[in-house]
Amino acid sequence: MQELELAKKIAQHLYDRKAQDILVLKVDHLMILTDYLVIATGTNPQHTKALKEYVDQEIGKFGISPRHIEGHNEGRWIVMDYLSAIVHIFSPEDRDFYRLERLWTDDSNHVVLPFEEESQGQD
């Protein structure tokens, strides 16, 4: 699976399970750790944990497992490292506090997602 395809699939799975404020950023020109950041918000710790479980299950169907997962026990900020895509699933408070998108957005690296295109067409 290509890097962009993986990031978009992860975002779609998050969307399917009602994650909020889903954002994919292409960051390969800004950092060496990964090509894409996927950032989303769960409504509470139980929701962030459920989002993590669903992404892990669905992406696992392609034979892809995260290299590392952090924060699952607390459910406030879960990080899933898929090498070419790093997923950050936040509680609303932690996302507002850390504001990762501010650190890694350069006004040209936002990836438009299929579900965003659908909602733009409805405006």
PDB file of N, CA and C in Angstrom:
ATOM      1  N   MET A   1       0.850  -1.178   0.000  1.00  0.00           N
ATOM      2  CA  MET A   1       0.000   0.000   0.000  1.00  0.00           C
ATOM      3  C   MET A   1       0.896   1.242   0.000  1.00  0.00           C
ATOM      4  N   GLN A   2       0.594   2.179  -0.848  1.00  0.00           N
ATOM      5  CA  GLN A   2       1.347   3.427  -0.940  1.00  0.00           C
ATOM      6  C   GLN A   2       1.122   4.282   0.310  1.00  0.00           C
ATOM      7  N   GLU A   3       2.070   5.169   0.584  1.00  0.00           N
ATOM      8  CA  GLU A   3       2.012   5.988   1.791  1.00  0.00           C
ATOM      9  C   GLU A   3       0.747   6.847   1.848  1.00  0.00           C
ATOM     10  N   LEU A   4       0.430   7.544   0.763  1.00  0.00           N
ATOM     11  CA  LEU A   4      -0.748   8.403   0.750  1.00  0.00           C
ATOM     12  C   LEU A   4      -2.025   7.578   0.897  1.00  0.00           C
ATOM     13  N   GLU A   5      -2.082   6.451   0.238  1.00  0.00           N
ATOM     14  CA  GLU A   5      -3.255   5.575   0.337  1.00  0.00           C
ATOM     15  C   GLU A   5      -3.457   5.120   1.784  1.00  0.00           C
ATOM     16  N   LEU A   6      -2.374   4.755   2.461  1.00  0.00           N
ATOM     17  CA  LEU A   6      -2.460   4.344   3.862  1.00  0.00           C
ATOM     18  C   LEU A   6      -3.011   5.479   4.725  1.00  0.00           C
ATOM     19  N   ALA A   7      -2.471   6.673   4.569  1.00  0.00           N
ATOM     20  CA  ALA A   7      -2.935   7.818   5.363  1.00  0.00           C
ATOM     21  C   ALA A   7      -4.415   8.091   5.116  1.00  0.00           C
ATOM     22  N   LYS A   8      -4.841   8.013   3.865  1.00  0.00           N
ATOM     23  CA  LYS A   8      -6.254   8.259   3.537  1.00  0.00           C
ATOM     24  C   LYS A   8      -7.161   7.160   4.096  1.00  0.00           C
ATOM     25  N   LYS A   9      -6.706   5.905   4.048  1.00  0.00           N
ATOM     26  CA  LYS A   9      -7.508   4.810   4.609  1.00  0.00           C
ATOM     27  C   LYS A   9      -7.667   4.977   6.118  1.00  0.00           C
ATOM     28  N   ILE A  10      -6.592   5.331   6.782  1.00  0.00           N
ATOM     29  CA  ILE A  10      -6.668   5.565   8.226  1.00  0.00           C
ATOM     30  C   ILE A  10      -7.666   6.681   8.520  1.00  0.00           C
ATOM     31  N   ALA A  11      -7.573   7.777   7.784  1.00  0.00           N
ATOM     32  CA  ALA A  11      -8.487   8.900   7.979  1.00  0.00           C
ATOM     33  C   ALA A  11      -9.932   8.470   7.742  1.00  0.00           C
ATOM     34  N   GLN A  12     -10.157   7.664   6.717  1.00  0.00           N
ATOM     35  CA  GLN A  12     -11.520   7.203   6.420  1.00  0.00           C
ATOM     36  C   GLN A  12     -12.056   6.326   7.554  1.00  0.00           C
ATOM     37  N   HIS A  13     -11.215   5.467   8.096  1.00  0.00           N
ATOM     38  CA  HIS A  13     -11.653   4.616   9.214  1.00  0.00           C
ATOM     39  C   HIS A  13     -11.978   5.473  10.441  1.00  0.00           C
ATOM     40  N   LEU A  14     -11.204   6.500  10.675  1.00  0.00           N
ATOM     41  CA  LEU A  14     -11.501   7.408  11.779  1.00  0.00           C
ATOM     42  C   LEU A  14     -12.833   8.122  11.540  1.00  0.00           C
ATOM     43  N   TYR A  15     -13.042   8.552  10.314  1.00  0.00           N
ATOM     44  CA  TYR A  15     -14.296   9.221   9.946  1.00  0.00           C
ATOM     45  C   TYR A  15     -15.486   8.279  10.126  1.00  0.00           C
ATOM     46  N   ASP A  16     -15.313   7.026   9.715  1.00  0.00           N
ATOM     47  CA  ASP A  16     -16.390   6.036   9.826  1.00  0.00           C
ATOM     48  C   ASP A  16     -16.823   5.817  11.264  1.00  0.00           C
ATOM     49  N   ARG A  17     -15.929   6.040  12.201  1.00  0.00           N
ATOM     50  CA  ARG A  17     -16.224   5.844  13.619  1.00  0.00           C
ATOM     51  C   ARG A  17     -16.407   7.163  14.361  1.00  0.00           C
ATOM     52  N   LYS A  18     -16.746   8.190  13.603  1.00  0.00           N
ATOM     53  CA  LYS A  18     -17.159   9.484  14.177  1.00  0.00           C
ATOM     54  C   LYS A  18     -16.051  10.270  14.871  1.00  0.00           C
ATOM     55  N   ALA A  19     -14.797  10.096  14.436  1.00  0.00           N
ATOM     56  CA  ALA A  19     -13.744  10.981  14.922  1.00  0.00           C
ATOM     57  C   ALA A  19     -14.044  12.390  14.425  1.00  0.00           C
ATOM     58  N   GLN A  20     -13.534  13.370  15.136  1.00  0.00           N
ATOM     59  CA  GLN A  20     -13.784  14.764  14.787  1.00  0.00           C
ATOM     60  C   GLN A  20     -12.503  15.437  14.305  1.00  0.00           C
ATOM     61  N   ASP A  21     -12.670  16.486  13.511  1.00  0.00           N
ATOM     62  CA  ASP A  21     -11.544  17.325  13.068  1.00  0.00           C
ATOM     63  C   ASP A  21     -10.383  16.500  12.510  1.00  0.00           C
ATOM     64  N   ILE A  22     -10.674  15.620  11.583  1.00  0.00           N
ATOM     65  CA  ILE A  22      -9.654  14.745  11.001  1.00  0.00           C
ATOM     66  C   ILE A  22      -8.818  15.552  10.015  1.00  0.00           C
ATOM     67  N   LEU A  23      -7.515  15.420  10.144  1.00  0.00           N
ATOM     68  CA  LEU A  23      -6.585  16.176   9.321  1.00  0.00           C
ATOM     69  C   LEU A  23      -5.443  15.257   8.900  1.00  0.00           C
ATOM     70  N   VAL A  24      -5.084  15.302   7.625  1.00  0.00           N
ATOM     71  CA  VAL A  24      -3.903  14.592   7.131  1.00  0.00           C
ATOM     72  C   VAL A  24      -2.953  15.635   6.571  1.00  0.00           C
ATOM     73  N   LEU A  25      -1.708  15.588   7.035  1.00  0.00           N
ATOM     74  CA  LEU A  25      -0.675  16.508   6.573  1.00  0.00           C
ATOM     75  C   LEU A  25       0.469  15.731   5.943  1.00  0.00           C
ATOM     76  N   LYS A  26       0.917  16.180   4.796  1.00  0.00           N
ATOM     77  CA  LYS A  26       2.107  15.615   4.142  1.00  0.00           C
ATOM     78  C   LYS A  26       3.308  16.338   4.739  1.00  0.00           C
ATOM     79  N   VAL A  27       4.158  15.594   5.447  1.00  0.00           N
ATOM     80  CA  VAL A  27       5.236  16.235   6.206  1.00  0.00           C
ATOM     81  C   VAL A  27       6.626  15.711   5.839  1.00  0.00           C
ATOM     82  N   ASP A  28       6.736  14.968   4.749  1.00  0.00           N
ATOM     83  CA  ASP A  28       8.032  14.381   4.402  1.00  0.00           C
ATOM     84  C   ASP A  28       9.098  15.441   4.125  1.00  0.00           C
ATOM     85  N   HIS A  29       8.706  16.643   3.775  1.00  0.00           N
ATOM     86  CA  HIS A  29       9.651  17.726   3.533  1.00  0.00           C
ATOM     87  C   HIS A  29       9.958  18.524   4.806  1.00  0.00           C
ATOM     88  N   LEU A  30       9.266  18.198   5.900  1.00  0.00           N
ATOM     89  CA  LEU A  30       9.448  18.914   7.161  1.00  0.00           C
ATOM     90  C   LEU A  30      10.111  18.077   8.246  1.00  0.00           C
ATOM     91  N   MET A  31      10.044  16.749   8.111  1.00  0.00           N
ATOM     92  CA  MET A  31      10.629  15.868   9.126  1.00  0.00           C
ATOM     93  C   MET A  31      11.090  14.570   8.473  1.00  0.00           C
ATOM     94  N   ILE A  32      11.945  13.848   9.162  1.00  0.00           N
ATOM     95  CA  ILE A  32      12.453  12.593   8.613  1.00  0.00           C
ATOM     96  C   ILE A  32      11.760  11.368   9.200  1.00  0.00           C
ATOM     97  N   LEU A  33      10.926  11.549  10.212  1.00  0.00           N
ATOM     98  CA  LEU A  33      10.296  10.424  10.893  1.00  0.00           C
ATOM     99  C   LEU A  33       9.212   9.741  10.087  1.00  0.00           C
ATOM    100  N   THR A  34       8.493  10.490   9.264  1.00  0.00           N
ATOM    101  CA  THR A  34       7.328   9.953   8.579  1.00  0.00           C
ATOM    102  C   THR A  34       7.006  10.803   7.361  1.00  0.00           C
ATOM    103  N   ASP A  35       6.121  10.274   6.517  1.00  0.00           N
ATOM    104  CA  ASP A  35       5.664  11.029   5.348  1.00  0.00           C
ATOM    105  C   ASP A  35       4.369  11.785   5.626  1.00  0.00           C
ATOM    106  N   TYR A  36       3.496  11.197   6.468  1.00  0.00           N
ATOM    107  CA  TYR A  36       2.181  11.777   6.727  1.00  0.00           C
ATOM    108  C   TYR A  36       1.854  11.749   8.210  1.00  0.00           C
ATOM    109  N   LEU A  37       1.188  12.791   8.671  1.00  0.00           N
ATOM    110  CA  LEU A  37       0.586  12.818   9.997  1.00  0.00           C
ATOM    111  C   LEU A  37      -0.920  12.763   9.813  1.00  0.00           C
ATOM    112  N   VAL A  38      -1.563  11.892  10.563  1.00  0.00           N
ATOM    113  CA  VAL A  38      -3.017  11.828  10.605  1.00  0.00           C
ATOM    114  C   VAL A  38      -3.399  12.244  12.014  1.00  0.00           C
ATOM    115  N   ILE A  39      -4.194  13.311  12.114  1.00  0.00           N
ATOM    116  CA  ILE A  39      -4.561  13.856  13.406  1.00  0.00           C
ATOM    117  C   ILE A  39      -6.082  13.860  13.506  1.00  0.00           C
ATOM    118  N   ALA A  40      -6.595  13.367  14.636  1.00  0.00           N
ATOM    119  CA  ALA A  40      -8.047  13.321  14.829  1.00  0.00           C
ATOM    120  C   ALA A  40      -8.362  13.479  16.310  1.00  0.00           C
ATOM    121  N   THR A  41      -9.629  13.759  16.593  1.00  0.00           N
ATOM    122  CA  THR A  41     -10.079  13.943  17.963  1.00  0.00           C
ATOM    123  C   THR A  41     -11.216  12.982  18.265  1.00  0.00           C
ATOM    124  N   GLY A  42     -11.123  12.314  19.411  1.00  0.00           N
ATOM    125  CA  GLY A  42     -12.221  11.509  19.931  1.00  0.00           C
ATOM    126  C   GLY A  42     -13.003  12.345  20.919  1.00  0.00           C
ATOM    127  N   THR A  43     -14.201  11.929  21.224  1.00  0.00           N
ATOM    128  CA  THR A  43     -15.046  12.732  22.114  1.00  0.00           C
ATOM    129  C   THR A  43     -14.692  12.564  23.592  1.00  0.00           C
ATOM    130  N   ASN A  44     -14.069  11.421  23.934  1.00  0.00           N
ATOM    131  CA  ASN A  44     -13.685  11.135  25.319  1.00  0.00           C
ATOM    132  C   ASN A  44     -12.660   9.995  25.283  1.00  0.00           C
ATOM    133  N   PRO A  45     -12.042   9.643  26.421  1.00  0.00           N
ATOM    134  CA  PRO A  45     -11.023   8.584  26.400  1.00  0.00           C
ATOM    135  C   PRO A  45     -11.524   7.246  25.860  1.00  0.00           C
ATOM    136  N   GLN A  46     -12.746   6.883  26.152  1.00  0.00           N
ATOM    137  CA  GLN A  46     -13.283   5.615  25.632  1.00  0.00           C
ATOM    138  C   GLN A  46     -13.389   5.662  24.106  1.00  0.00           C
ATOM    139  N   HIS A  47     -13.792   6.800  23.579  1.00  0.00           N
ATOM    140  CA  HIS A  47     -13.908   6.960  22.130  1.00  0.00           C
ATOM    141  C   HIS A  47     -12.537   6.921  21.469  1.00  0.00           C
ATOM    142  N   THR A  48     -11.527   7.581  22.060  1.00  0.00           N
ATOM    143  CA  THR A  48     -10.190   7.543  21.460  1.00  0.00           C
ATOM    144  C   THR A  48      -9.654   6.114  21.441  1.00  0.00           C
ATOM    145  N   LYS A  49      -9.903   5.367  22.504  1.00  0.00           N
ATOM    146  CA  LYS A  49      -9.464   3.967  22.543  1.00  0.00           C
ATOM    147  C   LYS A  49     -10.188   3.143  21.487  1.00  0.00           C
ATOM    148  N   ALA A  50     -11.476   3.370  21.329  1.00  0.00           N
ATOM    149  CA  ALA A  50     -12.247   2.642  20.319  1.00  0.00           C
ATOM    150  C   ALA A  50     -11.768   2.997  18.914  1.00  0.00           C
ATOM    151  N   LEU A  51     -11.430   4.257  18.688  1.00  0.00           N
ATOM    152  CA  LEU A  51     -10.897   4.665  17.385  1.00  0.00           C
ATOM    153  C   LEU A  51      -9.582   3.947  17.098  1.00  0.00           C
ATOM    154  N   LYS A  52      -8.726   3.885  18.085  1.00  0.00           N
ATOM    155  CA  LYS A  52      -7.441   3.191  17.939  1.00  0.00           C
ATOM    156  C   LYS A  52      -7.666   1.723  17.602  1.00  0.00           C
ATOM    157  N   GLU A  53      -8.559   1.078  18.333  1.00  0.00           N
ATOM    158  CA  GLU A  53      -8.837  -0.343  18.099  1.00  0.00           C
ATOM    159  C   GLU A  53      -9.364  -0.581  16.680  1.00  0.00           C
ATOM    160  N   TYR A  54     -10.255   0.287  16.228  1.00  0.00           N
ATOM    161  CA  TYR A  54     -10.846   0.122  14.899  1.00  0.00           C
ATOM    162  C   TYR A  54      -9.804   0.327  13.795  1.00  0.00           C
ATOM    163  N   VAL A  55      -8.992   1.357  13.925  1.00  0.00           N
ATOM    164  CA  VAL A  55      -7.936   1.586  12.929  1.00  0.00           C
ATOM    165  C   VAL A  55      -6.981   0.402  12.908  1.00  0.00           C
ATOM    166  N   ASP A  56      -6.557  -0.052  14.076  1.00  0.00           N
ATOM    167  CA  ASP A  56      -5.636  -1.186  14.170  1.00  0.00           C
ATOM    168  C   ASP A  56      -6.233  -2.424  13.508  1.00  0.00           C
ATOM    169  N   GLN A  57      -7.489  -2.690  13.764  1.00  0.00           N
ATOM    170  CA  GLN A  57      -8.183  -3.862  13.194  1.00  0.00           C
ATOM    171  C   GLN A  57      -8.302  -3.748  11.673  1.00  0.00           C
ATOM    172  N   GLU A  58      -8.749  -2.603  11.186  1.00  0.00           N
ATOM    173  CA  GLU A  58      -9.010  -2.446   9.753  1.00  0.00           C
ATOM    174  C   GLU A  58      -7.725  -2.379   8.932  1.00  0.00           C
ATOM    175  N   ILE A  59      -6.726  -1.677   9.405  1.00  0.00           N
ATOM    176  CA  ILE A  59      -5.457  -1.607   8.681  1.00  0.00           C
ATOM    177  C   ILE A  59      -4.739  -2.950   8.775  1.00  0.00           C
ATOM    178  N   GLY A  60      -4.940  -3.659   9.878  1.00  0.00           N
ATOM    179  CA  GLY A  60      -4.369  -4.996  10.036  1.00  0.00           C
ATOM    180  C   GLY A  60      -4.848  -5.976   8.988  1.00  0.00           C
ATOM    181  N   LYS A  61      -6.024  -5.743   8.423  1.00  0.00           N
ATOM    182  CA  LYS A  61      -6.548  -6.615   7.363  1.00  0.00           C
ATOM    183  C   LYS A  61      -5.681  -6.573   6.110  1.00  0.00           C
ATOM    184  N   PHE A  62      -4.859  -5.543   5.969  1.00  0.00           N
ATOM    185  CA  PHE A  62      -3.932  -5.424   4.845  1.00  0.00           C
ATOM    186  C   PHE A  62      -2.550  -5.962   5.214  1.00  0.00           C
ATOM    187  N   GLY A  63      -2.450  -6.582   6.386  1.00  0.00           N
ATOM    188  CA  GLY A  63      -1.166  -7.112   6.832  1.00  0.00           C
ATOM    189  C   GLY A  63      -0.231  -6.036   7.355  1.00  0.00           C
ATOM    190  N   ILE A  64      -0.786  -4.903   7.723  1.00  0.00           N
ATOM    191  CA  ILE A  64       0.012  -3.781   8.211  1.00  0.00           C
ATOM    192  C   ILE A  64      -0.282  -3.582   9.687  1.00  0.00           C
ATOM    193  N   SER A  65       0.770  -3.597  10.491  1.00  0.00           N
ATOM    194  CA  SER A  65       0.627  -3.375  11.927  1.00  0.00           C
ATOM    195  C   SER A  65       1.439  -2.157  12.320  1.00  0.00           C
ATOM    196  N   PRO A  66       0.988  -1.432  13.333  1.00  0.00           N
ATOM    197  CA  PRO A  66       1.795  -0.298  13.784  1.00  0.00           C
ATOM    198  C   PRO A  66       3.096  -0.792  14.399  1.00  0.00           C
ATOM    199  N   ARG A  67       4.159  -0.055  14.143  1.00  0.00           N
ATOM    200  CA  ARG A  67       5.450  -0.399  14.731  1.00  0.00           C
ATOM    201  C   ARG A  67       5.430  -0.170  16.231  1.00  0.00           C
ATOM    202  N   HIS A  68       4.667   0.834  16.640  1.00  0.00           N
ATOM    203  CA  HIS A  68       4.615   1.170  18.065  1.00  0.00           C
ATOM    204  C   HIS A  68       3.310   1.915  18.344  1.00  0.00           C
ATOM    205  N   ILE A  69       2.761   1.716  19.541  1.00  0.00           N
ATOM    206  CA  ILE A  69       1.567   2.429  19.984  1.00  0.00           C
ATOM    207  C   ILE A  69       1.842   2.984  21.375  1.00  0.00           C
ATOM    208  N   GLU A  70       1.491   4.238  21.580  1.00  0.00           N
ATOM    209  CA  GLU A  70       1.648   4.895  22.880  1.00  0.00           C
ATOM    210  C   GLU A  70       0.317   5.500  23.314  1.00  0.00           C
ATOM    211  N   GLY A  71       0.075   5.551  24.608  1.00  0.00           N
ATOM    212  CA  GLY A  71      -1.050   6.293  25.164  1.00  0.00           C
ATOM    213  C   GLY A  71      -2.373   5.562  25.212  1.00  0.00           C
ATOM    214  N   HIS A  72      -2.382   4.279  24.873  1.00  0.00           N
ATOM    215  CA  HIS A  72      -3.651   3.553  24.814  1.00  0.00           C
ATOM    216  C   HIS A  72      -4.310   3.433  26.196  1.00  0.00           C
ATOM    217  N   ASN A  73      -3.520   3.261  27.231  1.00  0.00           N
ATOM    218  CA  ASN A  73      -4.104   3.075  28.568  1.00  0.00           C
ATOM    219  C   ASN A  73      -4.883   4.293  29.044  1.00  0.00           C
ATOM    220  N   GLU A  74      -4.337   5.483  28.804  1.00  0.00           N
ATOM    221  CA  GLU A  74      -5.002   6.696  29.262  1.00  0.00           C
ATOM    222  C   GLU A  74      -6.095   7.142  28.296  1.00  0.00           C
ATOM    223  N   GLY A  75      -5.863   6.984  27.009  1.00  0.00           N
ATOM    224  CA  GLY A  75      -6.848   7.381  26.012  1.00  0.00           C
ATOM    225  C   GLY A  75      -6.962   8.872  25.798  1.00  0.00           C
ATOM    226  N   ARG A  76      -5.975   9.630  26.240  1.00  0.00           N
ATOM    227  CA  ARG A  76      -6.012  11.083  26.052  1.00  0.00           C
ATOM    228  C   ARG A  76      -5.292  11.501  24.782  1.00  0.00           C
ATOM    229  N   TRP A  77      -4.168  10.849  24.506  1.00  0.00           N
ATOM    230  CA  TRP A  77      -3.398  11.114  23.290  1.00  0.00           C
ATOM    231  C   TRP A  77      -2.780   9.789  22.883  1.00  0.00           C
ATOM    232  N   ILE A  78      -3.353   9.171  21.884  1.00  0.00           N
ATOM    233  CA  ILE A  78      -2.870   7.877  21.396  1.00  0.00           C
ATOM    234  C   ILE A  78      -2.064   8.117  20.123  1.00  0.00           C
ATOM    235  N   VAL A  79      -0.867   7.541  20.075  1.00  0.00           N
ATOM    236  CA  VAL A  79      -0.008   7.655  18.902  1.00  0.00           C
ATOM    237  C   VAL A  79       0.211   6.257  18.337  1.00  0.00           C
ATOM    238  N   MET A  80      -0.052   6.117  17.032  1.00  0.00           N
ATOM    239  CA  MET A  80       0.149   4.846  16.325  1.00  0.00           C
ATOM    240  C   MET A  80       1.159   5.104  15.208  1.00  0.00           C
ATOM    241  N   ASP A  81       2.282   4.410  15.246  1.00  0.00           N
ATOM    242  CA  ASP A  81       3.358   4.637  14.281  1.00  0.00           C
ATOM    243  C   ASP A  81       3.337   3.552  13.206  1.00  0.00           C
ATOM    244  N   TYR A  82       2.895   3.928  12.019  1.00  0.00           N
ATOM    245  CA  TYR A  82       2.879   3.023  10.869  1.00  0.00           C
ATOM    246  C   TYR A  82       4.039   3.317   9.921  1.00  0.00           C
ATOM    247  N   LEU A  83       5.099   3.911  10.432  1.00  0.00           N
ATOM    248  CA  LEU A  83       6.290   4.311   9.689  1.00  0.00           C
ATOM    249  C   LEU A  83       5.994   5.431   8.704  1.00  0.00           C
ATOM    250  N   SER A  84       5.293   5.163   7.613  1.00  0.00           N
ATOM    251  CA  SER A  84       5.025   6.215   6.623  1.00  0.00           C
ATOM    252  C   SER A  84       3.875   7.124   7.040  1.00  0.00           C
ATOM    253  N   ALA A  85       3.136   6.720   8.050  1.00  0.00           N
ATOM    254  CA  ALA A  85       2.054   7.545   8.595  1.00  0.00           C
ATOM    255  C   ALA A  85       2.036   7.387  10.109  1.00  0.00           C
ATOM    256  N   ILE A  86       2.022   8.497  10.798  1.00  0.00           N
ATOM    257  CA  ILE A  86       1.897   8.484  12.254  1.00  0.00           C
ATOM    258  C   ILE A  86       0.535   9.067  12.591  1.00  0.00           C
ATOM    259  N   VAL A  87      -0.223   8.320  13.385  1.00  0.00           N
ATOM    260  CA  VAL A  87      -1.588   8.682  13.729  1.00  0.00           C
ATOM    261  C   VAL A  87      -1.618   9.229  15.156  1.00  0.00           C
ATOM    262  N   HIS A  88      -2.254  10.390  15.312  1.00  0.00           N
ATOM    263  CA  HIS A  88      -2.442  11.007  16.625  1.00  0.00           C
ATOM    264  C   HIS A  88      -3.940  11.107  16.865  1.00  0.00           C
ATOM    265  N   ILE A  89      -4.418  10.422  17.891  1.00  0.00           N
ATOM    266  CA  ILE A  89      -5.832  10.489  18.262  1.00  0.00           C
ATOM    267  C   ILE A  89      -5.900  11.141  19.637  1.00  0.00           C
ATOM    268  N   PHE A  90      -6.488  12.325  19.678  1.00  0.00           N
ATOM    269  CA  PHE A  90      -6.500  13.143  20.883  1.00  0.00           C
ATOM    270  C   PHE A  90      -7.862  13.189  21.544  1.00  0.00           C
ATOM    271  N   SER A  91      -7.846  13.455  22.851  1.00  0.00           N
ATOM    272  CA  SER A  91      -9.045  13.945  23.531  1.00  0.00           C
ATOM    273  C   SER A  91      -9.161  15.417  23.121  1.00  0.00           C
ATOM    274  N   PRO A  92     -10.347  16.006  23.212  1.00  0.00           N
ATOM    275  CA  PRO A  92     -10.493  17.416  22.814  1.00  0.00           C
ATOM    276  C   PRO A  92      -9.550  18.358  23.582  1.00  0.00           C
ATOM    277  N   GLU A  93      -9.398  18.144  24.880  1.00  0.00           N
ATOM    278  CA  GLU A  93      -8.553  19.020  25.691  1.00  0.00           C
ATOM    279  C   GLU A  93      -7.085  18.926  25.292  1.00  0.00           C
ATOM    280  N   ASP A  94      -6.611  17.700  25.058  1.00  0.00           N
ATOM    281  CA  ASP A  94      -5.206  17.531  24.707  1.00  0.00           C
ATOM    282  C   ASP A  94      -4.914  18.046  23.303  1.00  0.00           C
ATOM    283  N   ARG A  95      -5.845  17.862  22.383  1.00  0.00           N
ATOM    284  CA  ARG A  95      -5.617  18.398  21.035  1.00  0.00           C
ATOM    285  C   ARG A  95      -5.534  19.919  21.085  1.00  0.00           C
ATOM    286  N   ASP A  96      -6.401  20.528  21.846  1.00  0.00           N
ATOM    287  CA  ASP A  96      -6.384  21.979  21.968  1.00  0.00           C
ATOM    288  C   ASP A  96      -5.099  22.460  22.634  1.00  0.00           C
ATOM    289  N   PHE A  97      -4.607  21.713  23.610  1.00  0.00           N
ATOM    290  CA  PHE A  97      -3.398  22.102  24.321  1.00  0.00           C
ATOM    291  C   PHE A  97      -2.147  21.955  23.456  1.00  0.00           C
ATOM    292  N   TYR A  98      -1.981  20.808  22.783  1.00  0.00           N
ATOM    293  CA  TYR A  98      -0.751  20.533  22.033  1.00  0.00           C
ATOM    294  C   TYR A  98      -0.752  21.127  20.625  1.00  0.00           C
ATOM    295  N   ARG A  99      -1.899  21.237  19.992  1.00  0.00           N
ATOM    296  CA  ARG A  99      -2.054  21.849  18.670  1.00  0.00           C
ATOM    297  C   ARG A  99      -0.963  21.445  17.673  1.00  0.00           C
ATOM    298  N   LEU A 100      -0.807  20.149  17.489  1.00  0.00           N
ATOM    299  CA  LEU A 100       0.224  19.629  16.582  1.00  0.00           C
ATOM    300  C   LEU A 100       0.117  20.186  15.177  1.00  0.00           C
ATOM    301  N   GLU A 101      -1.102  20.382  14.716  1.00  0.00           N
ATOM    302  CA  GLU A 101      -1.258  20.871  13.349  1.00  0.00           C
ATOM    303  C   GLU A 101      -0.590  22.231  13.157  1.00  0.00           C
ATOM    304  N   ARG A 102      -0.527  23.023  14.191  1.00  0.00           N
ATOM    305  CA  ARG A 102       0.161  24.320  14.099  1.00  0.00           C
ATOM    306  C   ARG A 102       1.646  24.146  13.877  1.00  0.00           C
ATOM    307  N   LEU A 103       2.205  23.110  14.469  1.00  0.00           N
ATOM    308  CA  LEU A 103       3.643  22.870  14.332  1.00  0.00           C
ATOM    309  C   LEU A 103       4.027  22.367  12.947  1.00  0.00           C
ATOM    310  N   TRP A 104       3.132  21.611  12.314  1.00  0.00           N
ATOM    311  CA  TRP A 104       3.515  20.898  11.094  1.00  0.00           C
ATOM    312  C   TRP A 104       2.779  21.341   9.839  1.00  0.00           C
ATOM    313  N   THR A 105       2.007  22.409   9.916  1.00  0.00           N
ATOM    314  CA  THR A 105       1.326  22.924   8.734  1.00  0.00           C
ATOM    315  C   THR A 105       2.165  24.029   8.120  1.00  0.00           C
ATOM    316  N   ASP A 106       2.362  23.938   6.801  1.00  0.00           N
ATOM    317  CA  ASP A 106       3.110  25.001   6.118  1.00  0.00           C
ATOM    318  C   ASP A 106       2.274  25.664   5.020  1.00  0.00           C
ATOM    319  N   ASP A 107       0.968  25.569   5.124  1.00  0.00           N
ATOM    320  CA  ASP A 107       0.011  26.171   4.185  1.00  0.00           C
ATOM    321  C   ASP A 107      -0.010  25.510   2.807  1.00  0.00           C
ATOM    322  N   SER A 108       0.744  24.432   2.631  1.00  0.00           N
ATOM    323  CA  SER A 108       0.714  23.736   1.338  1.00  0.00           C
ATOM    324  C   SER A 108       0.602  22.230   1.490  1.00  0.00           C
ATOM    325  N   ASN A 109       0.551  21.737   2.716  1.00  0.00           N
ATOM    326  CA  ASN A 109       0.671  20.297   2.909  1.00  0.00           C
ATOM    327  C   ASN A 109      -0.595  19.611   3.416  1.00  0.00           C
ATOM    328  N   HIS A 110      -1.725  20.292   3.389  1.00  0.00           N
ATOM    329  CA  HIS A 110      -2.994  19.678   3.795  1.00  0.00           C
ATOM    330  C   HIS A 110      -3.469  18.748   2.684  1.00  0.00           C
ATOM    331  N   VAL A 111      -3.757  17.495   3.034  1.00  0.00           N
ATOM    332  CA  VAL A 111      -4.274  16.517   2.076  1.00  0.00           C
ATOM    333  C   VAL A 111      -5.796  16.569   2.127  1.00  0.00           C
ATOM    334  N   VAL A 112      -6.416  16.823   0.980  1.00  0.00           N
ATOM    335  CA  VAL A 112      -7.876  16.838   0.914  1.00  0.00           C
ATOM    336  C   VAL A 112      -8.367  15.398   0.918  1.00  0.00           C
ATOM    337  N   LEU A 113      -9.292  15.106   1.817  1.00  0.00           N
ATOM    338  CA  LEU A 113      -9.799  13.748   1.992  1.00  0.00           C
ATOM    339  C   LEU A 113     -11.137  13.589   1.284  1.00  0.00           C
ATOM    340  N   PRO A 114     -11.461  12.368   0.853  1.00  0.00           N
ATOM    341  CA  PRO A 114     -12.711  12.153   0.111  1.00  0.00           C
ATOM    342  C   PRO A 114     -13.954  12.645   0.847  1.00  0.00           C
ATOM    343  N   PHE A 115     -14.033  12.440   2.147  1.00  0.00           N
ATOM    344  CA  PHE A 115     -15.218  12.877   2.882  1.00  0.00           C
ATOM    345  C   PHE A 115     -15.262  14.399   3.028  1.00  0.00           C
ATOM    346  N   GLU A 116     -14.130  15.083   2.927  1.00  0.00           N
ATOM    347  CA  GLU A 116     -14.123  16.541   2.914  1.00  0.00           C
ATOM    348  C   GLU A 116     -14.672  17.063   1.587  1.00  0.00           C
ATOM    349  N   GLU A 117     -14.293  16.395   0.509  1.00  0.00           N
ATOM    350  CA  GLU A 117     -14.778  16.792  -0.815  1.00  0.00           C
ATOM    351  C   GLU A 117     -16.291  16.646  -0.888  1.00  0.00           C
ATOM    352  N   GLU A 118     -16.828  15.577  -0.298  1.00  0.00           N
ATOM    353  CA  GLU A 118     -18.274  15.342  -0.284  1.00  0.00           C
ATOM    354  C   GLU A 118     -18.995  16.464   0.446  1.00  0.00           C
ATOM    355  N   SER A 119     -18.465  16.854   1.618  1.00  0.00           N
ATOM    356  CA  SER A 119     -19.143  17.883   2.402  1.00  0.00           C
ATOM    357  C   SER A 119     -19.014  19.254   1.737  1.00  0.00           C
ATOM    358  N   GLN A 120     -17.931  19.509   1.007  1.00  0.00           N
ATOM    359  CA  GLN A 120     -17.783  20.768   0.286  1.00  0.00           C
ATOM    360  C   GLN A 120     -18.790  20.861  -0.843  1.00  0.00           C
ATOM    361  N   GLY A 121     -19.095  19.742  -1.469  1.00  0.00           N
ATOM    362  CA  GLY A 121     -20.061  19.708  -2.551  1.00  0.00           C
ATOM    363  C   GLY A 121     -21.480  19.961  -2.073  1.00  0.00           C
ATOM    364  N   GLN A 122     -21.737  19.753  -0.771  1.00  0.00           N
ATOM    365  CA  GLN A 122     -23.074  19.938  -0.216  1.00  0.00           C
ATOM    366  C   GLN A 122     -23.313  21.371   0.244  1.00  0.00           C
ATOM    367  N   ASP A 123     -22.258  22.178   0.301  1.00  0.00           N
ATOM    368  CA  ASP A 123     -22.406  23.581   0.767  1.00  0.00           C
ATOM    369  C   ASP A 123     -23.140  24.418  -0.246  1.00  0.00           C
TER     370      ASP A 123
END
